[in-house]
Amino acid sequence: MLAACSVVLFYLTYVGYRLGLFAHGRSFRARNLMDFLHLVAASWICLVAGYFVLFHGMEGRTIGKWLLGLRVVGENRRPITYGQAIVRSGSYLWSLIFGLGFFWVLFHREKRGWHDLLAGTWVVREDSARAR
């Protein structure tokens, strides 16, 4: 899902950037490449963060978690808030440092990564009766 959205986002950013340059009488050249790549990177970060915050905040699961029968929950299996979804998504950066935050799941007794610990969330398997 994110890959498909990323391709569309890249194309729309490219078209918009080219139109903006054209409107100012400039053309797309190698010297504009870094500005364009910074714009693409910033928009991609917004897309990814928005995807995780929106889906986790709404239903507690992304499309991948839905396919695997998983859900992100708060304390006492309650739905997480958008605030927790924001903290969890923002904490992915900490978990990504050398992969230690995700690797931590292997050693934590509750199988929680750093992003889950910081946000106060758990990833649980849904009961088949509740998933319907």
C-alpha atoms as a PDB file:
ATOM      1  CA  MET A   1       0.000   0.000   0.000  1.00  0.00           C
ATOM      2  CA  LEU A   2       2.745   2.427   0.966  1.00  0.00           C
ATOM      3  CA  ALA A   3       4.774   1.506  -2.107  1.00  0.00           C
ATOM      4  CA  ALA A   4       1.851   2.278  -4.432  1.00  0.00           C
ATOM      5  CA  CYS A   5       1.132   5.564  -2.640  1.00  0.00           C
ATOM      6  CA  SER A   6       4.850   6.427  -2.762  1.00  0.00           C
ATOM      7  CA  VAL A   7       4.959   5.982  -6.542  1.00  0.00           C
ATOM      8  CA  VAL A   8       1.903   8.224  -6.981  1.00  0.00           C
ATOM      9  CA  LEU A   9       3.354  10.763  -4.546  1.00  0.00           C
ATOM     10  CA  PHE A  10       6.687  10.810  -6.405  1.00  0.00           C
ATOM     11  CA  TYR A  11       4.953  11.335  -9.748  1.00  0.00           C
ATOM     12  CA  LEU A  12       2.712  14.129  -8.437  1.00  0.00           C
ATOM     13  CA  THR A  13       5.673  15.818  -6.748  1.00  0.00           C
ATOM     14  CA  TYR A  14       7.690  15.582  -9.944  1.00  0.00           C
ATOM     15  CA  VAL A  15       4.887  17.058 -12.061  1.00  0.00           C
ATOM     16  CA  GLY A  16       4.235  19.823  -9.534  1.00  0.00           C
ATOM     17  CA  TYR A  17       7.937  20.670  -9.258  1.00  0.00           C
ATOM     18  CA  ARG A  18       8.350  20.786 -13.051  1.00  0.00           C
ATOM     19  CA  LEU A  19       5.263  23.000 -13.403  1.00  0.00           C
ATOM     20  CA  GLY A  20       6.564  25.304 -10.662  1.00  0.00           C
ATOM     21  CA  LEU A  21       9.918  25.641 -12.415  1.00  0.00           C
ATOM     22  CA  PHE A  22       8.211  26.242 -15.751  1.00  0.00           C
ATOM     23  CA  ALA A  23       5.989  28.932 -14.247  1.00  0.00           C
ATOM     24  CA  HIS A  24       9.139  30.781 -13.183  1.00  0.00           C
ATOM     25  CA  GLY A  25      10.857  30.357 -16.544  1.00  0.00           C
ATOM     26  CA  ARG A  26      13.278  27.723 -15.300  1.00  0.00           C
ATOM     27  CA  SER A  27      13.905  24.151 -16.374  1.00  0.00           C
ATOM     28  CA  PHE A  28      14.661  20.982 -14.449  1.00  0.00           C
ATOM     29  CA  ARG A  29      18.449  20.565 -14.327  1.00  0.00           C
ATOM     30  CA  ALA A  30      20.985  18.740 -12.187  1.00  0.00           C
ATOM     31  CA  ARG A  31      21.355  21.775  -9.902  1.00  0.00           C
ATOM     32  CA  ASN A  32      17.616  21.520  -9.063  1.00  0.00           C
ATOM     33  CA  LEU A  33      17.894  17.835  -8.234  1.00  0.00           C
ATOM     34  CA  MET A  34      18.776  18.243  -4.550  1.00  0.00           C
ATOM     35  CA  ASP A  35      15.869  20.639  -3.963  1.00  0.00           C
ATOM     36  CA  PHE A  36      13.545  18.168  -5.662  1.00  0.00           C
ATOM     37  CA  LEU A  37      14.886  15.227  -3.625  1.00  0.00           C
ATOM     38  CA  HIS A  38      14.463  17.178  -0.371  1.00  0.00           C
ATOM     39  CA  LEU A  39      10.853  17.893  -1.357  1.00  0.00           C
ATOM     40  CA  VAL A  40      10.253  14.221  -2.181  1.00  0.00           C
ATOM     41  CA  ALA A  41      11.833  13.089   1.111  1.00  0.00           C
ATOM     42  CA  ALA A  42       9.772  15.526   3.187  1.00  0.00           C
ATOM     43  CA  SER A  43       6.535  14.572   1.435  1.00  0.00           C
ATOM     44  CA  TRP A  44       7.326  10.853   1.788  1.00  0.00           C
ATOM     45  CA  ILE A  45       7.930  11.236   5.539  1.00  0.00           C
ATOM     46  CA  CYS A  46       4.564  13.003   5.829  1.00  0.00           C
ATOM     47  CA  LEU A  47       2.884  10.225   3.821  1.00  0.00           C
ATOM     48  CA  VAL A  48       4.348   7.421   5.946  1.00  0.00           C
ATOM     49  CA  ALA A  49       3.691   9.164   9.260  1.00  0.00           C
ATOM     50  CA  GLY A  50       0.159  10.044   8.168  1.00  0.00           C
ATOM     51  CA  TYR A  51      -0.516   6.474   7.059  1.00  0.00           C
ATOM     52  CA  PHE A  52       0.512   4.963  10.380  1.00  0.00           C
ATOM     53  CA  VAL A  53      -1.111   7.644  12.541  1.00  0.00           C
ATOM     54  CA  LEU A  54      -4.381   7.578  10.604  1.00  0.00           C
ATOM     55  CA  PHE A  55      -4.781   3.804  10.437  1.00  0.00           C
ATOM     56  CA  HIS A  56      -3.572   3.105  13.978  1.00  0.00           C
ATOM     57  CA  GLY A  57      -5.691   5.944  15.361  1.00  0.00           C
ATOM     58  CA  MET A  58      -8.845   4.846  13.505  1.00  0.00           C
ATOM     59  CA  GLU A  59      -8.804   1.074  13.836  1.00  0.00           C
ATOM     60  CA  GLY A  60      -5.584   0.202  15.605  1.00  0.00           C
ATOM     61  CA  ARG A  61      -4.248  -1.542  12.538  1.00  0.00           C
ATOM     62  CA  THR A  62      -2.751  -0.890   9.149  1.00  0.00           C
ATOM     63  CA  ILE A  63      -3.654  -2.895   6.073  1.00  0.00           C
ATOM     64  CA  GLY A  64      -0.741  -5.266   6.751  1.00  0.00           C
ATOM     65  CA  LYS A  65      -1.821  -5.807  10.356  1.00  0.00           C
ATOM     66  CA  TRP A  66      -5.399  -6.383   9.161  1.00  0.00           C
ATOM     67  CA  LEU A  67      -4.188  -9.088   6.745  1.00  0.00           C
ATOM     68  CA  LEU A  68      -2.176 -10.747   9.530  1.00  0.00           C
ATOM     69  CA  GLY A  69      -4.972 -10.479  12.105  1.00  0.00           C
ATOM     70  CA  LEU A  70      -3.050  -8.089  14.356  1.00  0.00           C
ATOM     71  CA  ARG A  71      -4.130  -4.931  16.140  1.00  0.00           C
ATOM     72  CA  VAL A  72      -2.367  -2.230  18.145  1.00  0.00           C
ATOM     73  CA  VAL A  73      -4.091  -1.684  21.485  1.00  0.00           C
ATOM     74  CA  GLY A  74      -3.586   0.374  24.596  1.00  0.00           C
ATOM     75  CA  GLU A  75      -3.872  -0.634  28.216  1.00  0.00           C
ATOM     76  CA  ASN A  76      -6.533  -3.325  28.917  1.00  0.00           C
ATOM     77  CA  ARG A  77      -6.895  -3.963  25.143  1.00  0.00           C
ATOM     78  CA  ARG A  78      -8.597  -0.602  24.669  1.00  0.00           C
ATOM     79  CA  PRO A  79      -8.284   1.199  21.312  1.00  0.00           C
ATOM     80  CA  ILE A  80      -5.330   3.549  21.129  1.00  0.00           C
ATOM     81  CA  THR A  81      -5.772   7.292  20.849  1.00  0.00           C
ATOM     82  CA  TYR A  82      -4.457   9.442  18.037  1.00  0.00           C
ATOM     83  CA  GLY A  83      -1.955  10.807  20.553  1.00  0.00           C
ATOM     84  CA  GLN A  84      -0.602   7.312  21.160  1.00  0.00           C
ATOM     85  CA  ALA A  85      -0.551   6.715  17.395  1.00  0.00           C
ATOM     86  CA  ILE A  86       1.507   9.899  16.921  1.00  0.00           C
ATOM     87  CA  VAL A  87       3.953   8.926  19.678  1.00  0.00           C
ATOM     88  CA  ARG A  88       4.211   5.376  18.319  1.00  0.00           C
ATOM     89  CA  SER A  89       4.870   6.572  14.765  1.00  0.00           C
ATOM     90  CA  GLY A  90       7.347   9.206  15.911  1.00  0.00           C
ATOM     91  CA  SER A  91       9.118   6.610  18.049  1.00  0.00           C
ATOM     92  CA  TYR A  92       9.811   4.427  15.021  1.00  0.00           C
ATOM     93  CA  LEU A  93      12.880   6.600  14.448  1.00  0.00           C
ATOM     94  CA  TRP A  94      14.250   5.548  17.836  1.00  0.00           C
ATOM     95  CA  SER A  95      13.442   1.928  17.094  1.00  0.00           C
ATOM     96  CA  LEU A  96      15.198   2.151  13.742  1.00  0.00           C
ATOM     97  CA  ILE A  97      18.535   3.200  15.214  1.00  0.00           C
ATOM     98  CA  PHE A  98      20.641   0.199  14.232  1.00  0.00           C
ATOM     99  CA  GLY A  99      17.379  -1.801  14.373  1.00  0.00           C
ATOM    100  CA  LEU A 100      17.759  -2.143  18.145  1.00  0.00           C
ATOM    101  CA  GLY A 101      14.229  -1.002  18.949  1.00  0.00           C
ATOM    102  CA  PHE A 102      12.725  -3.725  16.780  1.00  0.00           C
ATOM    103  CA  PHE A 103      15.351  -6.277  17.843  1.00  0.00           C
ATOM    104  CA  TRP A 104      14.315  -5.527  21.442  1.00  0.00           C
ATOM    105  CA  VAL A 105      11.070  -7.456  20.779  1.00  0.00           C
ATOM    106  CA  LEU A 106      13.051 -10.702  20.859  1.00  0.00           C
ATOM    107  CA  PHE A 107      14.166 -10.095  24.450  1.00  0.00           C
ATOM    108  CA  HIS A 108      11.243  -8.243  26.008  1.00  0.00           C
ATOM    109  CA  ARG A 109       8.939 -10.554  27.968  1.00  0.00           C
ATOM    110  CA  GLU A 110       5.830  -8.918  26.461  1.00  0.00           C
ATOM    111  CA  LYS A 111       7.393  -8.774  22.960  1.00  0.00           C
ATOM    112  CA  ARG A 112       7.196  -4.974  22.783  1.00  0.00           C
ATOM    113  CA  GLY A 113       9.509  -2.731  20.780  1.00  0.00           C
ATOM    114  CA  TRP A 114      10.777   0.636  21.950  1.00  0.00           C
ATOM    115  CA  HIS A 115       8.020   2.402  20.009  1.00  0.00           C
ATOM    116  CA  ASP A 116       5.403   0.345  21.879  1.00  0.00           C
ATOM    117  CA  LEU A 117       7.016   1.014  25.242  1.00  0.00           C
ATOM    118  CA  LEU A 118       7.159   4.766  24.603  1.00  0.00           C
ATOM    119  CA  ALA A 119       3.557   4.941  23.360  1.00  0.00           C
ATOM    120  CA  GLY A 120       2.072   2.543  25.924  1.00  0.00           C
ATOM    121  CA  THR A 121       0.823   0.167  23.226  1.00  0.00           C
ATOM    122  CA  TRP A 122       0.808  -3.571  22.548  1.00  0.00           C
ATOM    123  CA  VAL A 123       0.428  -5.498  19.295  1.00  0.00           C
ATOM    124  CA  VAL A 124      -2.017  -8.345  19.822  1.00  0.00           C
ATOM    125  CA  ARG A 125      -3.479 -11.091  17.679  1.00  0.00           C
ATOM    126  CA  GLU A 126      -7.206 -10.621  17.260  1.00  0.00           C
ATOM    127  CA  ASP A 127      -9.581 -13.374  18.271  1.00  0.00           C
ATOM    128  CA  SER A 128     -11.196 -14.890  15.183  1.00  0.00           C
ATOM    129  CA  ALA A 129     -14.663 -14.146  16.580  1.00  0.00           C
ATOM    130  CA  ARG A 130     -13.757 -10.490  17.205  1.00  0.00           C
ATOM    131  CA  ALA A 131     -12.065 -10.068  13.811  1.00  0.00           C
ATOM    132  CA  ARG A 132     -15.370 -10.627  11.996  1.00  0.00           C
END
